[in-house]
Amino acid sequence: MSETTQPYTLKLANAIGLSAAERSAAELRFRMALESGVGGREFVVPTLQACMLARSLTSQLSPEELAHADHDAEREVIALWENAEDKAILFALKPLNRDMGEARFEIGA
């Protein structure tokens, strides 16, 4: 781990009915998959921040405006984060073999 790696916290919220061990294992699976999806631990916080910025910059655009080549970078950053997060959620929760309802992973910097 480099000295410039930004630490982050991760918590599985609204996961009703999970034991502490199940919660911990799901959080670990999510962390591993997310880090892999964005290219490493050191890229989690910067990628999340870039995605939030890109969403903010494009939130008022029409679909036609957003599709313009001027916004390729924003779309790519958003897609990178969303794909990594979606895969991490699936990887983390699938082994639990039950509907997790409103469960979500909260990431803090």
PDB file of N, CA and C in Angstrom:
ATOM      1  N   MET A   1       0.844  -1.168   0.000  1.00  0.00           N
ATOM      2  CA  MET A   1       0.000   0.000   0.000  1.00  0.00           C
ATOM      3  C   MET A   1       0.889   1.229   0.000  1.00  0.00           C
ATOM      4  N   SER A   2       0.598   2.160  -0.888  1.00  0.00           N
ATOM      5  CA  SER A   2       1.410   3.361  -0.960  1.00  0.00           C
ATOM      6  C   SER A   2       0.997   4.355   0.106  1.00  0.00           C
ATOM      7  N   GLU A   3       1.885   5.322   0.349  1.00  0.00           N
ATOM      8  CA  GLU A   3       1.591   6.332   1.351  1.00  0.00           C
ATOM      9  C   GLU A   3       0.473   7.252   0.907  1.00  0.00           C
ATOM     10  N   THR A   4       0.172   7.311  -0.376  1.00  0.00           N
ATOM     11  CA  THR A   4      -0.858   8.203  -0.883  1.00  0.00           C
ATOM     12  C   THR A   4      -2.226   7.538  -0.963  1.00  0.00           C
ATOM     13  N   THR A   5      -2.335   6.279  -0.605  1.00  0.00           N
ATOM     14  CA  THR A   5      -3.613   5.595  -0.638  1.00  0.00           C
ATOM     15  C   THR A   5      -4.559   6.216   0.365  1.00  0.00           C
ATOM     16  N   GLN A   6      -5.731   6.599  -0.128  1.00  0.00           N
ATOM     17  CA  GLN A   6      -6.723   7.184   0.749  1.00  0.00           C
ATOM     18  C   GLN A   6      -7.503   6.066   1.423  1.00  0.00           C
ATOM     19  N   PRO A   7      -7.523   6.060   2.749  1.00  0.00           N
ATOM     20  CA  PRO A   7      -8.292   5.024   3.439  1.00  0.00           C
ATOM     21  C   PRO A   7      -9.791   5.269   3.242  1.00  0.00           C
ATOM     22  N   TYR A   8     -10.533   4.218   3.324  1.00  0.00           N
ATOM     23  CA  TYR A   8     -11.984   4.362   3.256  1.00  0.00           C
ATOM     24  C   TYR A   8     -12.620   3.346   4.189  1.00  0.00           C
ATOM     25  N   THR A   9     -13.840   3.654   4.593  1.00  0.00           N
ATOM     26  CA  THR A   9     -14.587   2.744   5.442  1.00  0.00           C
ATOM     27  C   THR A   9     -15.681   2.105   4.598  1.00  0.00           C
ATOM     28  N   LEU A  10     -16.102   0.959   5.032  1.00  0.00           N
ATOM     29  CA  LEU A  10     -17.124   0.214   4.320  1.00  0.00           C
ATOM     30  C   LEU A  10     -18.048  -0.410   5.344  1.00  0.00           C
ATOM     31  N   LYS A  11     -19.344  -0.260   5.122  1.00  0.00           N
ATOM     32  CA  LYS A  11     -20.325  -0.814   6.049  1.00  0.00           C
ATOM     33  C   LYS A  11     -21.509  -1.348   5.261  1.00  0.00           C
ATOM     34  N   LEU A  12     -21.949  -2.542   5.612  1.00  0.00           N
ATOM     35  CA  LEU A  12     -23.165  -3.112   5.045  1.00  0.00           C
ATOM     36  C   LEU A  12     -24.322  -2.642   5.916  1.00  0.00           C
ATOM     37  N   ALA A  13     -25.179  -1.812   5.373  1.00  0.00           N
ATOM     38  CA  ALA A  13     -26.297  -1.236   6.120  1.00  0.00           C
ATOM     39  C   ALA A  13     -27.607  -1.920   5.732  1.00  0.00           C
ATOM     40  N   ASN A  14     -28.544  -1.912   6.651  1.00  0.00           N
ATOM     41  CA  ASN A  14     -29.892  -2.460   6.447  1.00  0.00           C
ATOM     42  C   ASN A  14     -29.877  -3.932   6.067  1.00  0.00           C
ATOM     43  N   ALA A  15     -28.919  -4.655   6.578  1.00  0.00           N
ATOM     44  CA  ALA A  15     -28.813  -6.092   6.303  1.00  0.00           C
ATOM     45  C   ALA A  15     -29.431  -6.856   7.474  1.00  0.00           C
ATOM     46  N   ILE A  16     -30.724  -6.819   7.528  1.00  0.00           N
ATOM     47  CA  ILE A  16     -31.468  -7.421   8.632  1.00  0.00           C
ATOM     48  C   ILE A  16     -31.346  -8.941   8.594  1.00  0.00           C
ATOM     49  N   GLY A  17     -31.083  -9.522   9.748  1.00  0.00           N
ATOM     50  CA  GLY A  17     -31.035 -10.966   9.875  1.00  0.00           C
ATOM     51  C   GLY A  17     -29.686 -11.606   9.623  1.00  0.00           C
ATOM     52  N   LEU A  18     -28.661 -10.800   9.374  1.00  0.00           N
ATOM     53  CA  LEU A  18     -27.330 -11.369   9.172  1.00  0.00           C
ATOM     54  C   LEU A  18     -26.581 -11.452  10.494  1.00  0.00           C
ATOM     55  N   SER A  19     -25.844 -12.519  10.645  1.00  0.00           N
ATOM     56  CA  SER A  19     -24.962 -12.623  11.807  1.00  0.00           C
ATOM     57  C   SER A  19     -23.765 -11.704  11.580  1.00  0.00           C
ATOM     58  N   ALA A  20     -23.012 -11.457  12.627  1.00  0.00           N
ATOM     59  CA  ALA A  20     -21.810 -10.625  12.506  1.00  0.00           C
ATOM     60  C   ALA A  20     -20.830 -11.251  11.517  1.00  0.00           C
ATOM     61  N   ALA A  21     -20.710 -12.568  11.542  1.00  0.00           N
ATOM     62  CA  ALA A  21     -19.786 -13.259  10.630  1.00  0.00           C
ATOM     63  C   ALA A  21     -20.249 -13.125   9.180  1.00  0.00           C
ATOM     64  N   GLU A  22     -21.551 -13.263   8.931  1.00  0.00           N
ATOM     65  CA  GLU A  22     -22.071 -13.118   7.572  1.00  0.00           C
ATOM     66  C   GLU A  22     -21.871 -11.692   7.060  1.00  0.00           C
ATOM     67  N   ARG A  23     -22.128 -10.722   7.929  1.00  0.00           N
ATOM     68  CA  ARG A  23     -21.954  -9.314   7.561  1.00  0.00           C
ATOM     69  C   ARG A  23     -20.491  -9.031   7.230  1.00  0.00           C
ATOM     70  N   SER A  24     -19.611  -9.494   8.071  1.00  0.00           N
ATOM     71  CA  SER A  24     -18.177  -9.274   7.870  1.00  0.00           C
ATOM     72  C   SER A  24     -17.696  -9.927   6.571  1.00  0.00           C
ATOM     73  N   ALA A  25     -18.158 -11.138   6.314  1.00  0.00           N
ATOM     74  CA  ALA A  25     -17.757 -11.844   5.093  1.00  0.00           C
ATOM     75  C   ALA A  25     -18.291 -11.122   3.851  1.00  0.00           C
ATOM     76  N   ALA A  26     -19.522 -10.633   3.905  1.00  0.00           N
ATOM     77  CA  ALA A  26     -20.098  -9.897   2.767  1.00  0.00           C
ATOM     78  C   ALA A  26     -19.328  -8.602   2.530  1.00  0.00           C
ATOM     79  N   GLU A  27     -18.971  -7.905   3.602  1.00  0.00           N
ATOM     80  CA  GLU A  27     -18.199  -6.670   3.463  1.00  0.00           C
ATOM     81  C   GLU A  27     -16.831  -6.954   2.858  1.00  0.00           C
ATOM     82  N   LEU A  28     -16.197  -8.039   3.261  1.00  0.00           N
ATOM     83  CA  LEU A  28     -14.896  -8.399   2.700  1.00  0.00           C
ATOM     84  C   LEU A  28     -15.016  -8.747   1.217  1.00  0.00           C
ATOM     85  N   ARG A  29     -16.031  -9.525   0.859  1.00  0.00           N
ATOM     86  CA  ARG A  29     -16.234  -9.870  -0.551  1.00  0.00           C
ATOM     87  C   ARG A  29     -16.478  -8.612  -1.385  1.00  0.00           C
ATOM     88  N   PHE A  30     -17.286  -7.694  -0.850  1.00  0.00           N
ATOM     89  CA  PHE A  30     -17.565  -6.450  -1.563  1.00  0.00           C
ATOM     90  C   PHE A  30     -16.283  -5.648  -1.747  1.00  0.00           C
ATOM     91  N   ARG A  31     -15.511  -5.489  -0.676  1.00  0.00           N
ATOM     92  CA  ARG A  31     -14.268  -4.714  -0.739  1.00  0.00           C
ATOM     93  C   ARG A  31     -13.310  -5.299  -1.777  1.00  0.00           C
ATOM     94  N   MET A  32     -13.143  -6.611  -1.763  1.00  0.00           N
ATOM     95  CA  MET A  32     -12.218  -7.261  -2.699  1.00  0.00           C
ATOM     96  C   MET A  32     -12.668  -7.064  -4.144  1.00  0.00           C
ATOM     97  N   ALA A  33     -13.960  -7.256  -4.395  1.00  0.00           N
ATOM     98  CA  ALA A  33     -14.473  -7.125  -5.757  1.00  0.00           C
ATOM     99  C   ALA A  33     -14.438  -5.674  -6.232  1.00  0.00           C
ATOM    100  N   LEU A  34     -14.776  -4.737  -5.349  1.00  0.00           N
ATOM    101  CA  LEU A  34     -14.758  -3.328  -5.735  1.00  0.00           C
ATOM    102  C   LEU A  34     -13.342  -2.882  -6.058  1.00  0.00           C
ATOM    103  N   GLU A  35     -12.391  -3.236  -5.195  1.00  0.00           N
ATOM    104  CA  GLU A  35     -11.000  -2.860  -5.432  1.00  0.00           C
ATOM    105  C   GLU A  35     -10.493  -3.451  -6.741  1.00  0.00           C
ATOM    106  N   SER A  36     -10.866  -4.667  -7.017  1.00  0.00           N
ATOM    107  CA  SER A  36     -10.474  -5.287  -8.280  1.00  0.00           C
ATOM    108  C   SER A  36     -11.114  -4.552  -9.457  1.00  0.00           C
ATOM    109  N   GLY A  37     -12.358  -4.165  -9.307  1.00  0.00           N
ATOM    110  CA  GLY A  37     -13.091  -3.514 -10.380  1.00  0.00           C
ATOM    111  C   GLY A  37     -12.593  -2.132 -10.753  1.00  0.00           C
ATOM    112  N   VAL A  38     -12.002  -1.420  -9.789  1.00  0.00           N
ATOM    113  CA  VAL A  38     -11.511  -0.063 -10.084  1.00  0.00           C
ATOM    114  C   VAL A  38      -9.996  -0.026 -10.265  1.00  0.00           C
ATOM    115  N   GLY A  39      -9.345  -1.170 -10.130  1.00  0.00           N
ATOM    116  CA  GLY A  39      -7.914  -1.217 -10.387  1.00  0.00           C
ATOM    117  C   GLY A  39      -7.032  -1.244  -9.165  1.00  0.00           C
ATOM    118  N   GLY A  40      -7.606  -1.343  -7.984  1.00  0.00           N
ATOM    119  CA  GLY A  40      -6.818  -1.433  -6.763  1.00  0.00           C
ATOM    120  C   GLY A  40      -7.384  -0.574  -5.646  1.00  0.00           C
ATOM    121  N   ARG A  41      -6.956  -0.881  -4.442  1.00  0.00           N
ATOM    122  CA  ARG A  41      -7.433  -0.171  -3.248  1.00  0.00           C
ATOM    123  C   ARG A  41      -7.234   1.330  -3.362  1.00  0.00           C
ATOM    124  N   GLU A  42      -6.094   1.739  -3.919  1.00  0.00           N
ATOM    125  CA  GLU A  42      -5.767   3.164  -3.989  1.00  0.00           C
ATOM    126  C   GLU A  42      -6.681   3.939  -4.936  1.00  0.00           C
ATOM    127  N   PHE A  43      -7.466   3.226  -5.749  1.00  0.00           N
ATOM    128  CA  PHE A  43      -8.335   3.898  -6.709  1.00  0.00           C
ATOM    129  C   PHE A  43      -9.801   3.958  -6.282  1.00  0.00           C
ATOM    130  N   VAL A  44     -10.154   3.352  -5.153  1.00  0.00           N
ATOM    131  CA  VAL A  44     -11.560   3.346  -4.724  1.00  0.00           C
ATOM    132  C   VAL A  44     -12.058   4.765  -4.460  1.00  0.00           C
ATOM    133  N   VAL A  45     -11.409   5.479  -3.573  1.00  0.00           N
ATOM    134  CA  VAL A  45     -11.868   6.831  -3.219  1.00  0.00           C
ATOM    135  C   VAL A  45     -11.782   7.784  -4.412  1.00  0.00           C
ATOM    136  N   PRO A  46     -10.657   7.841  -5.139  1.00  0.00           N
ATOM    137  CA  PRO A  46     -10.624   8.755  -6.291  1.00  0.00           C
ATOM    138  C   PRO A  46     -11.669   8.427  -7.356  1.00  0.00           C
ATOM    139  N   THR A  47     -11.933   7.139  -7.578  1.00  0.00           N
ATOM    140  CA  THR A  47     -12.926   6.766  -8.583  1.00  0.00           C
ATOM    141  C   THR A  47     -14.327   7.139  -8.123  1.00  0.00           C
ATOM    142  N   LEU A  48     -14.625   6.912  -6.853  1.00  0.00           N
ATOM    143  CA  LEU A  48     -15.924   7.313  -6.309  1.00  0.00           C
ATOM    144  C   LEU A  48     -16.088   8.827  -6.398  1.00  0.00           C
ATOM    145  N   GLN A  49     -15.066   9.569  -6.022  1.00  0.00           N
ATOM    146  CA  GLN A  49     -15.135  11.031  -6.091  1.00  0.00           C
ATOM    147  C   GLN A  49     -15.298  11.510  -7.529  1.00  0.00           C
ATOM    148  N   ALA A  50     -14.582  10.897  -8.457  1.00  0.00           N
ATOM    149  CA  ALA A  50     -14.699  11.269  -9.867  1.00  0.00           C
ATOM    150  C   ALA A  50     -16.098  10.967 -10.394  1.00  0.00           C
ATOM    151  N   CYS A  51     -16.661   9.859  -9.980  1.00  0.00           N
ATOM    152  CA  CYS A  51     -18.017   9.503 -10.398  1.00  0.00           C
ATOM    153  C   CYS A  51     -19.017  10.512  -9.857  1.00  0.00           C
ATOM    154  N   MET A  52     -18.881  10.876  -8.605  1.00  0.00           N
ATOM    155  CA  MET A  52     -19.799  11.854  -8.013  1.00  0.00           C
ATOM    156  C   MET A  52     -19.686  13.203  -8.729  1.00  0.00           C
ATOM    157  N   LEU A  53     -18.477  13.611  -9.056  1.00  0.00           N
ATOM    158  CA  LEU A  53     -18.271  14.855  -9.785  1.00  0.00           C
ATOM    159  C   LEU A  53     -18.879  14.772 -11.182  1.00  0.00           C
ATOM    160  N   ALA A  54     -18.637  13.667 -11.864  1.00  0.00           N
ATOM    161  CA  ALA A  54     -19.189  13.495 -13.212  1.00  0.00           C
ATOM    162  C   ALA A  54     -20.714  13.511 -13.190  1.00  0.00           C
ATOM    163  N   ARG A  55     -21.304  12.862 -12.205  1.00  0.00           N
ATOM    164  CA  ARG A  55     -22.766  12.885 -12.078  1.00  0.00           C
ATOM    165  C   ARG A  55     -23.266  14.303 -11.844  1.00  0.00           C
ATOM    166  N   SER A  56     -22.558  15.034 -11.008  1.00  0.00           N
ATOM    167  CA  SER A  56     -22.930  16.416 -10.726  1.00  0.00           C
ATOM    168  C   SER A  56     -22.844  17.276 -11.985  1.00  0.00           C
ATOM    169  N   LEU A  57     -21.774  17.102 -12.735  1.00  0.00           N
ATOM    170  CA  LEU A  57     -21.570  17.903 -13.944  1.00  0.00           C
ATOM    171  C   LEU A  57     -22.575  17.590 -15.041  1.00  0.00           C
ATOM    172  N   THR A  58     -23.105  16.385 -15.046  1.00  0.00           N
ATOM    173  CA  THR A  58     -24.007  15.979 -16.119  1.00  0.00           C
ATOM    174  C   THR A  58     -25.468  15.891 -15.690  1.00  0.00           C
ATOM    175  N   SER A  59     -25.753  16.176 -14.456  1.00  0.00           N
ATOM    176  CA  SER A  59     -27.106  15.972 -13.927  1.00  0.00           C
ATOM    177  C   SER A  59     -28.166  16.827 -14.607  1.00  0.00           C
ATOM    178  N   GLN A  60     -27.793  17.972 -15.110  1.00  0.00           N
ATOM    179  CA  GLN A  60     -28.763  18.873 -15.736  1.00  0.00           C
ATOM    180  C   GLN A  60     -28.806  18.747 -17.258  1.00  0.00           C
ATOM    181  N   LEU A  61     -28.025  17.830 -17.812  1.00  0.00           N
ATOM    182  CA  LEU A  61     -27.975  17.678 -19.263  1.00  0.00           C
ATOM    183  C   LEU A  61     -29.130  16.824 -19.773  1.00  0.00           C
ATOM    184  N   SER A  62     -29.594  17.149 -20.961  1.00  0.00           N
ATOM    185  CA  SER A  62     -30.589  16.300 -21.617  1.00  0.00           C
ATOM    186  C   SER A  62     -29.863  15.044 -22.120  1.00  0.00           C
ATOM    187  N   PRO A  63     -30.611  13.989 -22.424  1.00  0.00           N
ATOM    188  CA  PRO A  63     -29.965  12.791 -22.967  1.00  0.00           C
ATOM    189  C   PRO A  63     -29.173  13.077 -24.244  1.00  0.00           C
ATOM    190  N   GLU A  64     -29.675  13.971 -25.058  1.00  0.00           N
ATOM    191  CA  GLU A  64     -28.967  14.325 -26.294  1.00  0.00           C
ATOM    192  C   GLU A  64     -27.648  15.021 -25.976  1.00  0.00           C
ATOM    193  N   GLU A  65     -27.672  15.938 -25.017  1.00  0.00           N
ATOM    194  CA  GLU A  65     -26.452  16.651 -24.634  1.00  0.00           C
ATOM    195  C   GLU A  65     -25.450  15.682 -24.015  1.00  0.00           C
ATOM    196  N   LEU A  66     -25.927  14.802 -23.161  1.00  0.00           N
ATOM    197  CA  LEU A  66     -25.052  13.836 -22.493  1.00  0.00           C
ATOM    198  C   LEU A  66     -24.402  12.890 -23.497  1.00  0.00           C
ATOM    199  N   ALA A  67     -25.099  12.591 -24.588  1.00  0.00           N
ATOM    200  CA  ALA A  67     -24.569  11.673 -25.600  1.00  0.00           C
ATOM    201  C   ALA A  67     -23.473  12.312 -26.446  1.00  0.00           C
ATOM    202  N   HIS A  68     -23.315  13.607 -26.364  1.00  0.00           N
ATOM    203  CA  HIS A  68     -22.308  14.307 -27.167  1.00  0.00           C
ATOM    204  C   HIS A  68     -20.902  13.875 -26.753  1.00  0.00           C
ATOM    205  N   ALA A  69     -19.999  13.856 -27.706  1.00  0.00           N
ATOM    206  CA  ALA A  69     -18.614  13.424 -27.454  1.00  0.00           C
ATOM    207  C   ALA A  69     -17.915  14.256 -26.386  1.00  0.00           C
ATOM    208  N   ASP A  70     -18.371  15.482 -26.172  1.00  0.00           N
ATOM    209  CA  ASP A  70     -17.771  16.327 -25.131  1.00  0.00           C
ATOM    210  C   ASP A  70     -17.901  15.711 -23.742  1.00  0.00           C
ATOM    211  N   HIS A  71     -18.827  14.789 -23.578  1.00  0.00           N
ATOM    212  CA  HIS A  71     -19.086  14.197 -22.263  1.00  0.00           C
ATOM    213  C   HIS A  71     -18.676  12.728 -22.183  1.00  0.00           C
ATOM    214  N   ASP A  72     -17.843  12.292 -23.126  1.00  0.00           N
ATOM    215  CA  ASP A  72     -17.365  10.901 -23.116  1.00  0.00           C
ATOM    216  C   ASP A  72     -16.670  10.555 -21.797  1.00  0.00           C
ATOM    217  N   ALA A  73     -15.812  11.430 -21.318  1.00  0.00           N
ATOM    218  CA  ALA A  73     -15.046  11.149 -20.094  1.00  0.00           C
ATOM    219  C   ALA A  73     -15.972  10.971 -18.899  1.00  0.00           C
ATOM    220  N   GLU A  74     -16.963  11.842 -18.784  1.00  0.00           N
ATOM    221  CA  GLU A  74     -17.901  11.735 -17.658  1.00  0.00           C
ATOM    222  C   GLU A  74     -18.667  10.420 -17.715  1.00  0.00           C
ATOM    223  N   ARG A  75     -19.144  10.063 -18.917  1.00  0.00           N
ATOM    224  CA  ARG A  75     -19.882   8.805 -19.058  1.00  0.00           C
ATOM    225  C   ARG A  75     -18.999   7.605 -18.718  1.00  0.00           C
ATOM    226  N   GLU A  76     -17.740   7.645 -19.135  1.00  0.00           N
ATOM    227  CA  GLU A  76     -16.827   6.530 -18.865  1.00  0.00           C
ATOM    228  C   GLU A  76     -16.541   6.383 -17.378  1.00  0.00           C
ATOM    229  N   VAL A  77     -16.347   7.493 -16.681  1.00  0.00           N
ATOM    230  CA  VAL A  77     -16.080   7.436 -15.237  1.00  0.00           C
ATOM    231  C   VAL A  77     -17.292   6.888 -14.497  1.00  0.00           C
ATOM    232  N   ILE A  78     -18.464   7.376 -14.876  1.00  0.00           N
ATOM    233  CA  ILE A  78     -19.691   6.883 -14.234  1.00  0.00           C
ATOM    234  C   ILE A  78     -19.861   5.391 -14.501  1.00  0.00           C
ATOM    235  N   ALA A  79     -19.650   4.967 -15.728  1.00  0.00           N
ATOM    236  CA  ALA A  79     -19.797   3.551 -16.084  1.00  0.00           C
ATOM    237  C   ALA A  79     -18.786   2.683 -15.350  1.00  0.00           C
ATOM    238  N   LEU A  80     -17.543   3.162 -15.239  1.00  0.00           N
ATOM    239  CA  LEU A  80     -16.521   2.404 -14.510  1.00  0.00           C
ATOM    240  C   LEU A  80     -16.965   2.141 -13.083  1.00  0.00           C
ATOM    241  N   TRP A  81     -17.405   3.194 -12.398  1.00  0.00           N
ATOM    242  CA  TRP A  81     -17.818   3.041 -11.004  1.00  0.00           C
ATOM    243  C   TRP A  81     -19.051   2.145 -10.902  1.00  0.00           C
ATOM    244  N   GLU A  82     -20.066   2.420 -11.710  1.00  0.00           N
ATOM    245  CA  GLU A  82     -21.307   1.659 -11.608  1.00  0.00           C
ATOM    246  C   GLU A  82     -21.098   0.184 -11.916  1.00  0.00           C
ATOM    247  N   ASN A  83     -20.285  -0.130 -12.915  1.00  0.00           N
ATOM    248  CA  ASN A  83     -20.004  -1.534 -13.233  1.00  0.00           C
ATOM    249  C   ASN A  83     -19.266  -2.223 -12.098  1.00  0.00           C
ATOM    250  N   ALA A  84     -18.250  -1.555 -11.553  1.00  0.00           N
ATOM    251  CA  ALA A  84     -17.482  -2.138 -10.444  1.00  0.00           C
ATOM    252  C   ALA A  84     -18.376  -2.335  -9.225  1.00  0.00           C
ATOM    253  N   GLU A  85     -19.199  -1.334  -8.922  1.00  0.00           N
ATOM    254  CA  GLU A  85     -20.078  -1.423  -7.755  1.00  0.00           C
ATOM    255  C   GLU A  85     -21.132  -2.515  -7.935  1.00  0.00           C
ATOM    256  N   ASP A  86     -21.752  -2.579  -9.110  1.00  0.00           N
ATOM    257  CA  ASP A  86     -22.770  -3.606  -9.364  1.00  0.00           C
ATOM    258  C   ASP A  86     -22.196  -5.012  -9.222  1.00  0.00           C
ATOM    259  N   LYS A  87     -21.036  -5.234  -9.809  1.00  0.00           N
ATOM    260  CA  LYS A  87     -20.400  -6.556  -9.715  1.00  0.00           C
ATOM    261  C   LYS A  87     -20.014  -6.875  -8.269  1.00  0.00           C
ATOM    262  N   ALA A  88     -19.544  -5.881  -7.537  1.00  0.00           N
ATOM    263  CA  ALA A  88     -19.154  -6.091  -6.142  1.00  0.00           C
ATOM    264  C   ALA A  88     -20.370  -6.440  -5.285  1.00  0.00           C
ATOM    265  N   ILE A  89     -21.486  -5.768  -5.534  1.00  0.00           N
ATOM    266  CA  ILE A  89     -22.712  -6.069  -4.778  1.00  0.00           C
ATOM    267  C   ILE A  89     -23.148  -7.506  -5.042  1.00  0.00           C
ATOM    268  N   LEU A  90     -23.164  -7.887  -6.295  1.00  0.00           N
ATOM    269  CA  LEU A  90     -23.558  -9.254  -6.645  1.00  0.00           C
ATOM    270  C   LEU A  90     -22.612 -10.270  -6.013  1.00  0.00           C
ATOM    271  N   PHE A  91     -21.317 -10.026  -6.119  1.00  0.00           N
ATOM    272  CA  PHE A  91     -20.309 -10.927  -5.553  1.00  0.00           C
ATOM    273  C   PHE A  91     -20.459 -11.040  -4.038  1.00  0.00           C
ATOM    274  N   ALA A  92     -20.787  -9.935  -3.391  1.00  0.00           N
ATOM    275  CA  ALA A  92     -20.887  -9.919  -1.931  1.00  0.00           C
ATOM    276  C   ALA A  92     -22.153 -10.578  -1.413  1.00  0.00           C
ATOM    277  N   LEU A  93     -23.262 -10.368  -2.095  1.00  0.00           N
ATOM    278  CA  LEU A  93     -24.545 -10.814  -1.556  1.00  0.00           C
ATOM    279  C   LEU A  93     -25.028 -12.163  -2.077  1.00  0.00           C
ATOM    280  N   LYS A  94     -24.596 -12.564  -3.255  1.00  0.00           N
ATOM    281  CA  LYS A  94     -25.080 -13.815  -3.836  1.00  0.00           C
ATOM    282  C   LYS A  94     -24.857 -15.029  -2.920  1.00  0.00           C
ATOM    283  N   PRO A  95     -23.701 -15.173  -2.272  1.00  0.00           N
ATOM    284  CA  PRO A  95     -23.495 -16.338  -1.414  1.00  0.00           C
ATOM    285  C   PRO A  95     -24.447 -16.426  -0.214  1.00  0.00           C
ATOM    286  N   LEU A  96     -25.135 -15.333   0.092  1.00  0.00           N
ATOM    287  CA  LEU A  96     -26.059 -15.353   1.230  1.00  0.00           C
ATOM    288  C   LEU A  96     -27.350 -16.095   0.906  1.00  0.00           C
ATOM    289  N   ASN A  97     -27.616 -16.297  -0.392  1.00  0.00           N
ATOM    290  CA  ASN A  97     -28.772 -17.077  -0.851  1.00  0.00           C
ATOM    291  C   ASN A  97     -30.095 -16.636  -0.241  1.00  0.00           C
ATOM    292  N   ARG A  98     -30.286 -15.311  -0.156  1.00  0.00           N
ATOM    293  CA  ARG A  98     -31.571 -14.792   0.315  1.00  0.00           C
ATOM    294  C   ARG A  98     -31.753 -13.362  -0.169  1.00  0.00           C
ATOM    295  N   ASP A  99     -33.007 -12.946  -0.160  1.00  0.00           N
ATOM    296  CA  ASP A  99     -33.318 -11.573  -0.551  1.00  0.00           C
ATOM    297  C   ASP A  99     -32.828 -10.647   0.555  1.00  0.00           C
ATOM    298  N   MET A 100     -31.986  -9.697   0.180  1.00  0.00           N
ATOM    299  CA  MET A 100     -31.428  -8.773   1.166  1.00  0.00           C
ATOM    300  C   MET A 100     -32.207  -7.463   1.226  1.00  0.00           C
ATOM    301  N   GLY A 101     -33.328  -7.378   0.533  1.00  0.00           N
ATOM    302  CA  GLY A 101     -34.211  -6.236   0.636  1.00  0.00           C
ATOM    303  C   GLY A 101     -33.497  -4.913   0.415  1.00  0.00           C
ATOM    304  N   GLU A 102     -33.473  -4.087   1.430  1.00  0.00           N
ATOM    305  CA  GLU A 102     -32.928  -2.729   1.354  1.00  0.00           C
ATOM    306  C   GLU A 102     -31.437  -2.664   1.724  1.00  0.00           C
ATOM    307  N   ALA A 103     -30.774  -3.792   1.795  1.00  0.00           N
ATOM    308  CA  ALA A 103     -29.356  -3.793   2.166  1.00  0.00           C
ATOM    309  C   ALA A 103     -28.546  -3.004   1.142  1.00  0.00           C
ATOM    310  N   ARG A 104     -27.540  -2.288   1.638  1.00  0.00           N
ATOM    311  CA  ARG A 104     -26.666  -1.516   0.748  1.00  0.00           C
ATOM    312  C   ARG A 104     -25.309  -1.371   1.418  1.00  0.00           C
ATOM    313  N   PHE A 105     -24.318  -1.113   0.598  1.00  0.00           N
ATOM    314  CA  PHE A 105     -22.961  -0.879   1.100  1.00  0.00           C
ATOM    315  C   PHE A 105     -22.724   0.621   1.135  1.00  0.00           C
ATOM    316  N   GLU A 106     -22.262   1.102   2.282  1.00  0.00           N
ATOM    317  CA  GLU A 106     -21.953   2.517   2.443  1.00  0.00           C
ATOM    318  C   GLU A 106     -20.437   2.665   2.490  1.00  0.00           C
ATOM    319  N   ILE A 107     -19.940   3.572   1.659  1.00  0.00           N
ATOM    320  CA  ILE A 107     -18.500   3.819   1.580  1.00  0.00           C
ATOM    321  C   ILE A 107     -18.243   5.232   2.072  1.00  0.00           C
ATOM    322  N   GLY A 108     -17.295   5.352   2.988  1.00  0.00           N
ATOM    323  CA  GLY A 108     -16.911   6.668   3.503  1.00  0.00           C
ATOM    324  C   GLY A 108     -15.433   6.897   3.307  1.00  0.00           C
ATOM    325  N   ALA A 109     -15.089   8.140   3.078  1.00  0.00           N
ATOM    326  CA  ALA A 109     -13.685   8.480   2.879  1.00  0.00           C
ATOM    327  C   ALA A 109     -13.120   9.111   4.143  1.00  0.00           C
TER     328      ALA A 109
END
